[in-house]
C-alpha atoms as a PDB file:
ATOM      1  CA  GLU A   1    -142.824  25.827 -84.140  1.00  0.00           C
ATOM      2  CA  TYR A   2    -145.119  28.037 -86.240  1.00  0.00           C
ATOM      3  CA  VAL A   3    -146.632  25.030 -88.001  1.00  0.00           C
ATOM      4  CA  LYS A   4    -147.221  23.314 -84.670  1.00  0.00           C
ATOM      5  CA  THR A   5    -148.981  26.401 -83.342  1.00  0.00           C
ATOM      6  CA  ILE A   6    -151.239  26.508 -86.410  1.00  0.00           C
ATOM      7  CA  GLN A   7    -152.036  22.811 -85.984  1.00  0.00           C
ATOM      8  CA  ASN A   8    -152.922  23.318 -82.320  1.00  0.00           C
ATOM      9  CA  GLN A   9    -155.163  26.272 -83.196  1.00  0.00           C
ATOM     10  CA  THR A  10    -156.836  24.245 -85.943  1.00  0.00           C
ATOM     11  CA  THR A  11    -157.452  21.371 -83.528  1.00  0.00           C
ATOM     12  CA  ALA A  12    -158.867  23.779 -80.950  1.00  0.00           C
ATOM     13  CA  LEU A  13    -161.142  25.378 -83.576  1.00  0.00           C
ATOM     14  CA  ASN A  14    -162.388  21.958 -84.707  1.00  0.00           C
ATOM     15  CA  GLU A  15    -163.167  21.003 -81.134  1.00  0.00           C
ATOM     16  CA  THR A  16    -164.996  24.298 -80.620  1.00  0.00           C
ATOM     17  CA  LEU A  17    -166.950  23.721 -83.829  1.00  0.00           C
ATOM     18  CA  GLN A  18    -167.986  20.262 -82.700  1.00  0.00           C
ATOM     19  CA  GLN A  19    -169.079  21.645 -79.331  1.00  0.00           C
ATOM     20  CA  LEU A  20    -171.142  24.321 -81.086  1.00  0.00           C
ATOM     21  CA  LYS A  21    -172.772  21.693 -83.281  1.00  0.00           C
ATOM     22  CA  GLN A  22    -173.583  19.583 -80.219  1.00  0.00           C
ATOM     23  CA  SER A  23    -174.985  22.636 -78.425  1.00  0.00           C
ATOM     24  CA  GLN A  24    -177.107  23.497 -81.449  1.00  0.00           C
ATOM     25  CA  ALA A  25    -178.416  19.930 -81.637  1.00  0.00           C
ATOM     26  CA  GLN A  26    -179.279  20.075 -77.934  1.00  0.00           C
ATOM     27  CA  LEU A  27    -181.123  23.376 -78.442  1.00  0.00           C
ATOM     28  CA  VAL A  28    -183.084  21.933 -81.346  1.00  0.00           C
ATOM     29  CA  GLN A  29    -183.957  18.842 -79.327  1.00  0.00           C
ATOM     30  CA  GLY A  30    -184.939  20.981 -76.335  1.00  0.00           C
ATOM     31  CA  GLU A  31    -187.283  23.043 -78.487  1.00  0.00           C
ATOM     32  CA  LYS A  32    -188.758  19.872 -79.949  1.00  0.00           C
ATOM     33  CA  MET A  33    -189.442  18.598 -76.428  1.00  0.00           C
ATOM     34  CA  ALA A  34    -191.014  21.930 -75.441  1.00  0.00           C
ATOM     35  CA  SER A  35    -193.243  21.770 -78.521  1.00  0.00           C
ATOM     36  CA  LEU A  36    -194.046  18.153 -77.704  1.00  0.00           C
ATOM     37  CA  GLY A  37    -195.135  19.188 -74.209  1.00  0.00           C
ATOM     38  CA  GLN A  38    -197.546  21.741 -75.660  1.00  0.00           C
ATOM     39  CA  LEU A  39    -198.697  19.175 -78.182  1.00  0.00           C
ATOM     40  CA  VAL A  40    -199.451  16.536 -75.549  1.00  0.00           C
ATOM     41  CA  ALA A  41    -201.274  19.071 -73.378  1.00  0.00           C
ATOM     42  CA  GLY A  42    -203.403  20.114 -76.323  1.00  0.00           C
ATOM     43  CA  ILE A  43    -204.219  16.557 -77.365  1.00  0.00           C
ATOM     44  CA  ALA A  44    -205.092  15.588 -73.787  1.00  0.00           C
ATOM     45  CA  HIS A  45    -207.417  18.580 -73.550  1.00  0.00           C
ATOM     46  CA  GLU A  46    -209.075  17.892 -76.899  1.00  0.00           C
ATOM     47  CA  ILE A  47    -209.609  14.176 -76.262  1.00  0.00           C
ATOM     48  CA  ASN A  48    -210.824  14.723 -72.695  1.00  0.00           C
ATOM     49  CA  ASN A  49    -214.007  16.508 -73.816  1.00  0.00           C
ATOM     50  CA  PRO A  50    -215.451  13.793 -76.114  1.00  0.00           C
ATOM     51  CA  ILE A  51    -214.302  11.055 -73.711  1.00  0.00           C
ATOM     52  CA  ASN A  52    -216.200  12.719 -70.834  1.00  0.00           C
ATOM     53  CA  PHE A  53    -219.204  13.156 -73.093  1.00  0.00           C
ATOM     54  CA  ILE A  54    -219.251   9.477 -74.050  1.00  0.00           C
ATOM     55  CA  ASP A  55    -218.679   8.392 -70.439  1.00  0.00           C
ATOM     56  CA  ALA A  56    -221.574  10.499 -69.165  1.00  0.00           C
ATOM     57  CA  ASN A  57    -223.927   9.186 -71.850  1.00  0.00           C
ATOM     58  CA  LEU A  58    -222.986   5.565 -71.198  1.00  0.00           C
ATOM     59  CA  TYR A  59    -224.686   5.739 -67.793  1.00  0.00           C
ATOM     60  CA  TYR A  60    -228.018   6.736 -69.331  1.00  0.00           C
ATOM     61  CA  ALA A  61    -227.656   4.363 -72.262  1.00  0.00           C
ATOM     62  CA  GLU A  62    -227.029   1.457 -69.887  1.00  0.00           C
ATOM     63  CA  SER A  63    -230.008   2.476 -67.753  1.00  0.00           C
ATOM     64  CA  TYR A  64    -232.297   2.680 -70.774  1.00  0.00           C
ATOM     65  CA  VAL A  65    -231.160  -0.662 -72.190  1.00  0.00           C
ATOM     66  CA  ASN A  66    -231.640  -2.380 -68.804  1.00  0.00           C
ATOM     67  CA  SER A  67    -235.140  -0.919 -68.580  1.00  0.00           C
ATOM     68  CA  LEU A  68    -235.982  -2.157 -72.057  1.00  0.00           C
ATOM     69  CA  LEU A  69    -234.566  -5.615 -71.314  1.00  0.00           C
ATOM     70  CA  GLY A  70    -236.656  -5.683 -68.163  1.00  0.00           C
ATOM     71  CA  LEU A  71    -239.769  -5.593 -70.313  1.00  0.00           C
ATOM     72  CA  LEU A  72    -238.898  -8.991 -71.774  1.00  0.00           C
ATOM     73  CA  PRO A  73    -240.116 -11.996 -69.772  1.00  0.00           C
ATOM     74  CA  SER A  74    -237.838 -14.908 -68.951  1.00  0.00           C
ATOM     75  CA  SER A  75    -238.198 -17.812 -71.351  1.00  0.00           C
ATOM     76  CA  PRO A  76    -236.535 -21.230 -71.776  1.00  0.00           C
ATOM     77  CA  PRO A  77    -233.373 -21.328 -73.907  1.00  0.00           C
ATOM     78  CA  GLY A  78    -234.160 -21.578 -77.617  1.00  0.00           C
ATOM     79  CA  THR A  79    -237.631 -20.125 -77.150  1.00  0.00           C
ATOM     80  CA  PRO A  80    -238.188 -16.607 -78.530  1.00  0.00           C
ATOM     81  CA  ALA A  81    -239.199 -14.111 -75.865  1.00  0.00           C
ATOM     82  CA  THR A  82    -242.633 -12.599 -76.408  1.00  0.00           C
ATOM     83  CA  VAL A  83    -244.573  -9.971 -74.520  1.00  0.00           C
ATOM     84  CA  SER A  84    -248.243  -9.110 -74.785  1.00  0.00           C
ATOM     85  CA  ASP A  85    -249.463  -5.612 -75.603  1.00  0.00           C
ATOM     86  CA  THR A  86    -251.154  -5.393 -72.211  1.00  0.00           C
ATOM     87  CA  THR A  87    -247.958  -6.281 -70.361  1.00  0.00           C
ATOM     88  CA  LEU A  88    -245.937  -3.896 -72.541  1.00  0.00           C
ATOM     89  CA  ASP A  89    -248.354  -1.035 -71.900  1.00  0.00           C
ATOM     90  CA  SER A  90    -248.350  -1.483 -68.127  1.00  0.00           C
ATOM     91  CA  ALA A  91    -244.578  -2.009 -67.886  1.00  0.00           C
ATOM     92  CA  GLY A  92    -243.915   0.815 -70.346  1.00  0.00           C
ATOM     93  CA  GLU A  93    -245.659   3.287 -68.104  1.00  0.00           C
ATOM     94  CA  GLU A  94    -243.331   2.341 -65.236  1.00  0.00           C
ATOM     95  CA  VAL A  95    -240.117   2.783 -67.251  1.00  0.00           C
ATOM     96  CA  GLU A  96    -241.290   5.808 -69.256  1.00  0.00           C
ATOM     97  CA  LEU A  97    -241.022   3.950 -72.536  1.00  0.00           C
ATOM     98  CA  ASP A  98    -242.020   6.925 -74.674  1.00  0.00           C
ATOM     99  CA  PHE A  99    -239.199   9.024 -73.200  1.00  0.00           C
ATOM    100  CA  ILE A 100    -236.643   6.245 -73.719  1.00  0.00           C
ATOM    101  CA  ARG A 101    -237.793   5.779 -77.315  1.00  0.00           C
ATOM    102  CA  GLU A 102    -237.135   9.480 -77.953  1.00  0.00           C
ATOM    103  CA  ASP A 103    -233.949   9.981 -75.929  1.00  0.00           C
ATOM    104  CA  LEU A 104    -231.963   6.786 -76.611  1.00  0.00           C
ATOM    105  CA  PRO A 105    -231.320   7.529 -80.323  1.00  0.00           C
ATOM    106  CA  LYS A 106    -230.109  11.018 -79.360  1.00  0.00           C
ATOM    107  CA  ILE A 107    -227.680   9.580 -76.825  1.00  0.00           C
ATOM    108  CA  LEU A 108    -226.322   7.045 -79.317  1.00  0.00           C
ATOM    109  CA  ALA A 109    -225.913   9.777 -81.947  1.00  0.00           C
ATOM    110  CA  SER A 110    -224.026  11.950 -79.450  1.00  0.00           C
ATOM    111  CA  MET A 111    -221.733   9.071 -78.569  1.00  0.00           C
ATOM    112  CA  ARG A 112    -221.025   8.504 -82.257  1.00  0.00           C
ATOM    113  CA  LEU A 113    -220.115  12.181 -82.601  1.00  0.00           C
ATOM    114  CA  GLY A 114    -217.756  11.909 -79.634  1.00  0.00           C
ATOM    115  CA  SER A 115    -216.023   8.825 -81.007  1.00  0.00           C
ATOM    116  CA  ALA A 116    -215.746  10.438 -84.450  1.00  0.00           C
ATOM    117  CA  ARG A 117    -214.108  13.483 -82.863  1.00  0.00           C
ATOM    118  CA  ILE A 118    -211.573  11.253 -81.092  1.00  0.00           C
ATOM    119  CA  ARG A 119    -210.756   9.501 -84.376  1.00  0.00           C
ATOM    120  CA  GLU A 120    -210.269  12.894 -86.035  1.00  0.00           C
ATOM    121  CA  ILE A 121    -207.893  14.058 -83.284  1.00  0.00           C
ATOM    122  CA  VAL A 122    -205.869  10.839 -83.368  1.00  0.00           C
ATOM    123  CA  LEU A 123    -205.642  10.980 -87.176  1.00  0.00           C
ATOM    124  CA  SER A 124    -204.502  14.606 -86.993  1.00  0.00           C
ATOM    125  CA  LEU A 125    -201.850  13.664 -84.440  1.00  0.00           C
ATOM    126  CA  ARG A 126    -200.625  10.900 -86.735  1.00  0.00           C
ATOM    127  CA  ASN A 127    -200.548  13.227 -89.751  1.00  0.00           C
ATOM    128  CA  PHE A 128    -198.749  15.882 -87.745  1.00  0.00           C
ATOM    129  CA  SER A 129    -196.058  13.673 -86.240  1.00  0.00           C
ATOM    130  CA  ARG A 130    -195.558  11.449 -89.307  1.00  0.00           C
ATOM    131  CA  LEU A 131    -194.029   8.872 -86.952  1.00  0.00           C
ATOM    132  CA  ASP A 132    -194.247   6.190 -89.603  1.00  0.00           C
ATOM    133  CA  GLU A 133    -192.333   8.259 -92.143  1.00  0.00           C
ATOM    134  CA  SER A 134    -188.802   9.577 -92.363  1.00  0.00           C
ATOM    135  CA  GLY A 135    -186.787  11.601 -94.816  1.00  0.00           C
ATOM    136  CA  ILE A 136    -188.158  13.421 -97.845  1.00  0.00           C
ATOM    137  CA  LYS A 137    -191.712  12.707 -99.003  1.00  0.00           C
ATOM    138  CA  ARG A 138    -194.247  14.291-101.333  1.00  0.00           C
ATOM    139  CA  ILE A 139    -197.068  15.579 -99.151  1.00  0.00           C
ATOM    140  CA  ASP A 140    -200.196  17.720 -99.232  1.00  0.00           C
ATOM    141  CA  LEU A 141    -199.224  20.897 -97.348  1.00  0.00           C
ATOM    142  CA  HIS A 142    -202.865  21.707 -96.638  1.00  0.00           C
ATOM    143  CA  GLU A 143    -203.299  18.395 -94.844  1.00  0.00           C
ATOM    144  CA  GLY A 144    -200.388  19.247 -92.555  1.00  0.00           C
ATOM    145  CA  ILE A 145    -201.819  22.712 -91.819  1.00  0.00           C
ATOM    146  CA  GLU A 146    -205.230  21.252 -90.985  1.00  0.00           C
ATOM    147  CA  SER A 147    -203.696  18.661 -88.655  1.00  0.00           C
ATOM    148  CA  THR A 148    -201.737  21.373 -86.854  1.00  0.00           C
ATOM    149  CA  LEU A 149    -204.886  23.473 -86.416  1.00  0.00           C
ATOM    150  CA  VAL A 150    -206.716  20.528 -84.850  1.00  0.00           C
ATOM    151  CA  ILE A 151    -203.847  20.048 -82.400  1.00  0.00           C
ATOM    152  CA  LEU A 152    -203.843  23.776 -81.524  1.00  0.00           C
ATOM    153  CA  ASN A 153    -207.626  24.004 -81.247  1.00  0.00           C
ATOM    154  CA  HIS A 154    -207.492  24.213 -77.438  1.00  0.00           C
ATOM    155  CA  ARG A 155    -205.618  27.521 -77.789  1.00  0.00           C
ATOM    156  CA  LEU A 156    -208.008  28.915 -80.402  1.00  0.00           C
ATOM    157  CA  VAL A 157    -211.262  28.508 -78.463  1.00  0.00           C
ATOM    158  CA  ALA A 158    -212.493  31.144 -76.019  1.00  0.00           C
ATOM    159  CA  SER A 159    -211.268  30.628 -72.463  1.00  0.00           C
ATOM    160  CA  GLY A 160    -211.393  32.887 -69.422  1.00  0.00           C
ATOM    161  CA  LYS A 161    -210.457  36.405 -70.441  1.00  0.00           C
ATOM    162  CA  TYR A 162    -209.350  35.403 -73.947  1.00  0.00           C
ATOM    163  CA  PRO A 163    -211.875  35.555 -76.801  1.00  0.00           C
ATOM    164  CA  LYS A 164    -212.059  32.966 -79.556  1.00  0.00           C
ATOM    165  CA  ILE A 165    -209.428  33.277 -82.281  1.00  0.00           C
ATOM    166  CA  GLU A 166    -211.029  33.084 -85.717  1.00  0.00           C
ATOM    167  CA  VAL A 167    -209.035  31.251 -88.381  1.00  0.00           C
ATOM    168  CA  THR A 168    -209.749  31.952 -92.047  1.00  0.00           C
ATOM    169  CA  LYS A 169    -208.185  29.917 -94.836  1.00  0.00           C
ATOM    170  CA  ASP A 170    -207.601  30.607 -98.502  1.00  0.00           C
ATOM    171  CA  TYR A 171    -205.977  27.578-100.091  1.00  0.00           C
ATOM    172  CA  ALA A 172    -204.816  27.575-103.693  1.00  0.00           C
ATOM    173  CA  ALA A 173    -204.647  24.448-105.823  1.00  0.00           C
ATOM    174  CA  MET A 174    -201.203  22.998-105.198  1.00  0.00           C
ATOM    175  CA  PRO A 175    -199.359  19.816-106.191  1.00  0.00           C
ATOM    176  CA  PRO A 176    -197.694  17.643-103.531  1.00  0.00           C
ATOM    177  CA  VAL A 177    -194.576  19.292-102.125  1.00  0.00           C
ATOM    178  CA  GLU A 178    -191.341  17.349-101.677  1.00  0.00           C
ATOM    179  CA  CYS A 179    -190.138  17.893 -98.108  1.00  0.00           C
ATOM    180  CA  ASN A 180    -189.629  16.357 -94.683  1.00  0.00           C
ATOM    181  CA  PRO A 181    -193.250  16.255 -93.414  1.00  0.00           C
ATOM    182  CA  ALA A 182    -192.516  16.173 -89.677  1.00  0.00           C
ATOM    183  CA  GLN A 183    -190.103  19.112 -89.935  1.00  0.00           C
ATOM    184  CA  ILE A 184    -192.450  21.271 -92.019  1.00  0.00           C
ATOM    185  CA  ASN A 185    -195.289  20.538 -89.606  1.00  0.00           C
ATOM    186  CA  GLN A 186    -192.982  21.691 -86.810  1.00  0.00           C
ATOM    187  CA  VAL A 187    -192.396  24.942 -88.721  1.00  0.00           C
ATOM    188  CA  VAL A 188    -196.135  25.547 -89.185  1.00  0.00           C
ATOM    189  CA  LEU A 189    -196.682  24.780 -85.495  1.00  0.00           C
ATOM    190  CA  ALA A 190    -194.000  27.299 -84.473  1.00  0.00           C
ATOM    191  CA  VAL A 191    -195.397  30.062 -86.707  1.00  0.00           C
ATOM    192  CA  LEU A 192    -198.998  29.470 -85.595  1.00  0.00           C
ATOM    193  CA  THR A 193    -197.957  29.319 -81.945  1.00  0.00           C
ATOM    194  CA  ASN A 194    -196.142  32.625 -82.364  1.00  0.00           C
ATOM    195  CA  ALA A 195    -199.275  34.202 -83.871  1.00  0.00           C
ATOM    196  CA  ILE A 196    -201.490  32.831 -81.085  1.00  0.00           C
ATOM    197  CA  ASP A 197    -199.125  34.140 -78.398  1.00  0.00           C
ATOM    198  CA  SER A 198    -199.238  37.578 -80.001  1.00  0.00           C
ATOM    199  CA  LEU A 199    -203.040  37.553 -80.113  1.00  0.00           C
ATOM    200  CA  LYS A 200    -203.303  36.355 -76.516  1.00  0.00           C
ATOM    201  CA  THR A 201    -201.176  39.322 -75.458  1.00  0.00           C
ATOM    202  CA  ALA A 202    -203.130  41.808 -77.573  1.00  0.00           C
ATOM    203  CA  TYR A 203    -206.593  40.649 -76.520  1.00  0.00           C
ATOM    204  CA  ARG A 204    -206.147  39.571 -72.921  1.00  0.00           C
ATOM    205  CA  THR A 205    -207.621  42.841 -71.552  1.00  0.00           C
ATOM    206  CA  PRO A 206    -211.442  42.972 -71.735  1.00  0.00           C
ATOM    207  CA  LYS A 207    -212.590  45.307 -74.506  1.00  0.00           C
ATOM    208  CA  SER A 208    -215.669  47.514 -74.660  1.00  0.00           C
ATOM    209  CA  ASP A 209    -218.683  46.366 -76.683  1.00  0.00           C
ATOM    210  CA  SER A 210    -217.797  48.700 -79.552  1.00  0.00           C
ATOM    211  CA  GLU A 211    -214.214  47.447 -79.659  1.00  0.00           C
ATOM    212  CA  GLU A 212    -215.316  43.813 -79.521  1.00  0.00           C
ATOM    213  CA  GLY A 213    -217.702  44.395 -82.401  1.00  0.00           C
ATOM    214  CA  SER A 214    -215.117  46.049 -84.642  1.00  0.00           C
ATOM    215  CA  ARG A 215    -211.977  44.111 -83.728  1.00  0.00           C
ATOM    216  CA  SER A 216    -211.523  40.462 -82.831  1.00  0.00           C
ATOM    217  CA  PRO A 217    -208.453  38.195 -82.889  1.00  0.00           C
ATOM    218  CA  GLN A 218    -207.909  36.581 -86.268  1.00  0.00           C
ATOM    219  CA  ILE A 219    -205.390  34.416 -88.071  1.00  0.00           C
ATOM    220  CA  GLN A 220    -205.415  34.287 -91.850  1.00  0.00           C
ATOM    221  CA  ILE A 221    -203.758  31.348 -93.595  1.00  0.00           C
ATOM    222  CA  SER A 222    -203.283  31.446 -97.358  1.00  0.00           C
ATOM    223  CA  THR A 223    -201.318  29.351 -99.817  1.00  0.00           C
ATOM    224  CA  GLN A 224    -200.240  29.935-103.391  1.00  0.00           C
ATOM    225  CA  ILE A 225    -197.623  28.988-105.965  1.00  0.00           C
ATOM    226  CA  SER A 226    -195.081  31.731-106.601  1.00  0.00           C
ATOM    227  CA  ASP A 227    -193.655  32.793-109.960  1.00  0.00           C
ATOM    228  CA  GLN A 228    -190.527  30.813-109.028  1.00  0.00           C
ATOM    229  CA  ASN A 229    -192.656  27.651-108.765  1.00  0.00           C
ATOM    230  CA  GLN A 230    -192.428  27.584-104.982  1.00  0.00           C
ATOM    231  CA  ALA A 231    -195.134  26.678-102.489  1.00  0.00           C
ATOM    232  CA  VAL A 232    -195.916  29.716-100.336  1.00  0.00           C
ATOM    233  CA  ILE A 233    -197.686  29.616 -96.969  1.00  0.00           C
ATOM    234  CA  ARG A 234    -198.610  32.994 -95.478  1.00  0.00           C
ATOM    235  CA  ILE A 235    -199.769  33.107 -91.847  1.00  0.00           C
ATOM    236  CA  GLN A 236    -200.945  36.539 -90.715  1.00  0.00           C
ATOM    237  CA  ASP A 237    -202.438  37.750 -87.429  1.00  0.00           C
ATOM    238  CA  ASN A 238    -203.969  41.050 -86.334  1.00  0.00           C
ATOM    239  CA  GLY A 239    -202.145  41.225 -83.014  1.00  0.00           C
ATOM    240  CA  LEU A 240    -199.712  43.809 -81.707  1.00  0.00           C
ATOM    241  CA  GLY A 241    -197.262  43.307 -84.531  1.00  0.00           C
ATOM    242  CA  ILE A 242    -193.489  43.603 -84.242  1.00  0.00           C
ATOM    243  CA  GLU A 243    -191.732  46.887 -83.686  1.00  0.00           C
ATOM    244  CA  LYS A 244    -189.461  48.049 -86.503  1.00  0.00           C
ATOM    245  CA  SER A 245    -186.457  47.975 -84.183  1.00  0.00           C
ATOM    246  CA  GLN A 246    -187.086  44.302 -83.379  1.00  0.00           C
ATOM    247  CA  GLN A 247    -187.985  42.941 -86.820  1.00  0.00           C
ATOM    248  CA  ALA A 248    -184.381  42.103 -87.669  1.00  0.00           C
ATOM    249  CA  LYS A 249    -184.090  40.015 -84.497  1.00  0.00           C
ATOM    250  CA  VAL A 250    -187.202  37.861 -84.970  1.00  0.00           C
ATOM    251  CA  PHE A 251    -185.243  34.813 -86.154  1.00  0.00           C
ATOM    252  CA  ASP A 252    -182.338  35.208 -83.725  1.00  0.00           C
ATOM    253  CA  TYR A 253    -181.762  32.412 -81.238  1.00  0.00           C
ATOM    254  CA  PHE A 254    -183.238  33.166 -77.796  1.00  0.00           C
ATOM    255  CA  PHE A 255    -184.982  36.361 -78.965  1.00  0.00           C
ATOM    256  CA  THR A 256    -188.549  36.559 -77.644  1.00  0.00           C
ATOM    257  CA  THR A 257    -191.049  39.247 -76.734  1.00  0.00           C
ATOM    258  CA  GLN A 258    -192.742  36.928 -74.259  1.00  0.00           C
ATOM    259  CA  PRO A 259    -192.258  37.315 -70.484  1.00  0.00           C
ATOM    260  CA  VAL A 260    -189.561  35.272 -68.762  1.00  0.00           C
ATOM    261  CA  GLY A 261    -190.607  31.641 -68.517  1.00  0.00           C
ATOM    262  CA  GLN A 262    -193.220  31.881 -71.303  1.00  0.00           C
ATOM    263  CA  GLY A 263    -191.035  31.712 -74.369  1.00  0.00           C
ATOM    264  CA  THR A 264    -187.757  30.041 -75.293  1.00  0.00           C
ATOM    265  CA  GLY A 265    -186.916  32.269 -78.235  1.00  0.00           C
ATOM    266  CA  LEU A 266    -186.016  29.158 -80.234  1.00  0.00           C
ATOM    267  CA  GLY A 267    -189.187  28.355 -82.166  1.00  0.00           C
ATOM    268  CA  LEU A 268    -188.770  30.722 -85.116  1.00  0.00           C
ATOM    269  CA  ALA A 269    -184.981  30.395 -85.141  1.00  0.00           C
ATOM    270  CA  ILE A 270    -185.218  26.624 -85.548  1.00  0.00           C
ATOM    271  CA  ALA A 271    -188.095  27.013 -88.023  1.00  0.00           C
ATOM    272  CA  ARG A 272    -185.892  29.183 -90.220  1.00  0.00           C
ATOM    273  CA  GLN A 273    -183.071  26.656 -90.008  1.00  0.00           C
ATOM    274  CA  ILE A 274    -185.443  23.883 -91.100  1.00  0.00           C
ATOM    275  CA  VAL A 275    -186.882  25.868 -94.015  1.00  0.00           C
ATOM    276  CA  GLU A 276    -183.670  27.429 -95.319  1.00  0.00           C
ATOM    277  CA  ASP A 277    -180.870  25.019 -94.400  1.00  0.00           C
ATOM    278  CA  ASN A 278    -182.765  21.733 -94.672  1.00  0.00           C
ATOM    279  CA  HIS A 279    -185.144  22.550 -97.542  1.00  0.00           C
ATOM    280  CA  GLY A 280    -183.544  25.344 -99.547  1.00  0.00           C
ATOM    281  CA  GLY A 281    -186.568  27.565 -98.963  1.00  0.00           C
ATOM    282  CA  LYS A 282    -187.097  30.854 -97.195  1.00  0.00           C
ATOM    283  CA  LEU A 283    -188.845  31.966 -94.003  1.00  0.00           C
ATOM    284  CA  SER A 284    -189.402  35.709 -93.858  1.00  0.00           C
ATOM    285  CA  LEU A 285    -191.360  38.431 -92.105  1.00  0.00           C
ATOM    286  CA  ASP A 286    -193.589  40.836 -94.020  1.00  0.00           C
ATOM    287  CA  GLN A 287    -192.247  44.187 -92.863  1.00  0.00           C
ATOM    288  CA  ASN A 288    -194.855  46.320 -94.657  1.00  0.00           C
ATOM    289  CA  LEU A 289    -197.853  45.688 -92.406  1.00  0.00           C
ATOM    290  CA  GLU A 290    -199.394  48.504 -90.381  1.00  0.00           C
ATOM    291  CA  GLN A 291    -201.111  46.093 -88.007  1.00  0.00           C
ATOM    292  CA  GLY A 292    -200.277  42.586 -86.857  1.00  0.00           C
ATOM    293  CA  ALA A 293    -197.585  40.375 -88.302  1.00  0.00           C
ATOM    294  CA  ALA A 294    -197.255  37.964 -91.193  1.00  0.00           C
ATOM    295  CA  LEU A 295    -194.709  35.196 -91.642  1.00  0.00           C
ATOM    296  CA  ILE A 296    -194.149  33.722 -95.080  1.00  0.00           C
ATOM    297  CA  ILE A 297    -192.910  30.163 -95.654  1.00  0.00           C
ATOM    298  CA  GLN A 298    -191.532  29.452 -99.126  1.00  0.00           C
ATOM    299  CA  LEU A 299    -190.650  25.892-100.142  1.00  0.00           C
ATOM    300  CA  PRO A 300    -189.457  24.434-103.446  1.00  0.00           C
ATOM    301  CA  ILE A 301    -192.192  22.175-104.779  1.00  0.00           C
ATOM    302  CA  SER A 302    -189.569  19.747-106.059  1.00  0.00           C
ATOM    303  CA  ARG A 303    -186.078  19.288-104.694  1.00  0.00           C
END
């Protein structure tokens, strides 16, 4: 009877464990989908600007080209079209040829800039998601950070009552790091998002001119190789910081300082799981800062 009871308890515990694992997987997937929603919104915003710019310029480019083609007389097929200087001068005055000659190259250059920006955003999205890769790869950590910053650019620029967030970078020479690229990019995204949220809260109230001149929202990103031959990414902001009483809870599931509906409390918890459980690294909070907060990502360079 005793043995049977133990077996039943063991079975019940195994079932509970499996349910917990399933719940954890669902939480991780839910956070991924929430991050994906932010990602898509950011990409849509970033691509919309250059697309609108190109679309607006196409109207003028088409008008200019039609005006220039109108200067050419009709000629039989196979016969080169020619136009006399007198005809060109008189027709040029009607279509403002001098203005077109000056403005058309500017429009084409602007459209090239817009298309180049779209290519940059799409490339950053590809580098961030690493959809064509799986498992452990050797990657350039700096490339992943840069791709994440491009994706988050819509949250860094000035908008409404929020000033622009300045990002400074201090990258050390670093060999490729062996890791899961998509997961590490997700960690960097979570840490940067956390810093941006903190800065948005700290700087959402309009400041006086003197305050604006002496204090502005900033994120500092630095990398180095530790004495233990680990890749270290430090992301620091000058926001409100984290109260001493709450620092131990930062990586707890569902813990958030954001208002209800604005934070899941899963981002940093899942980030820590990825860094420590999946990569044998460490994700920690610098508890010695007087202002702002700094999160430190440590990853073995080689597994």
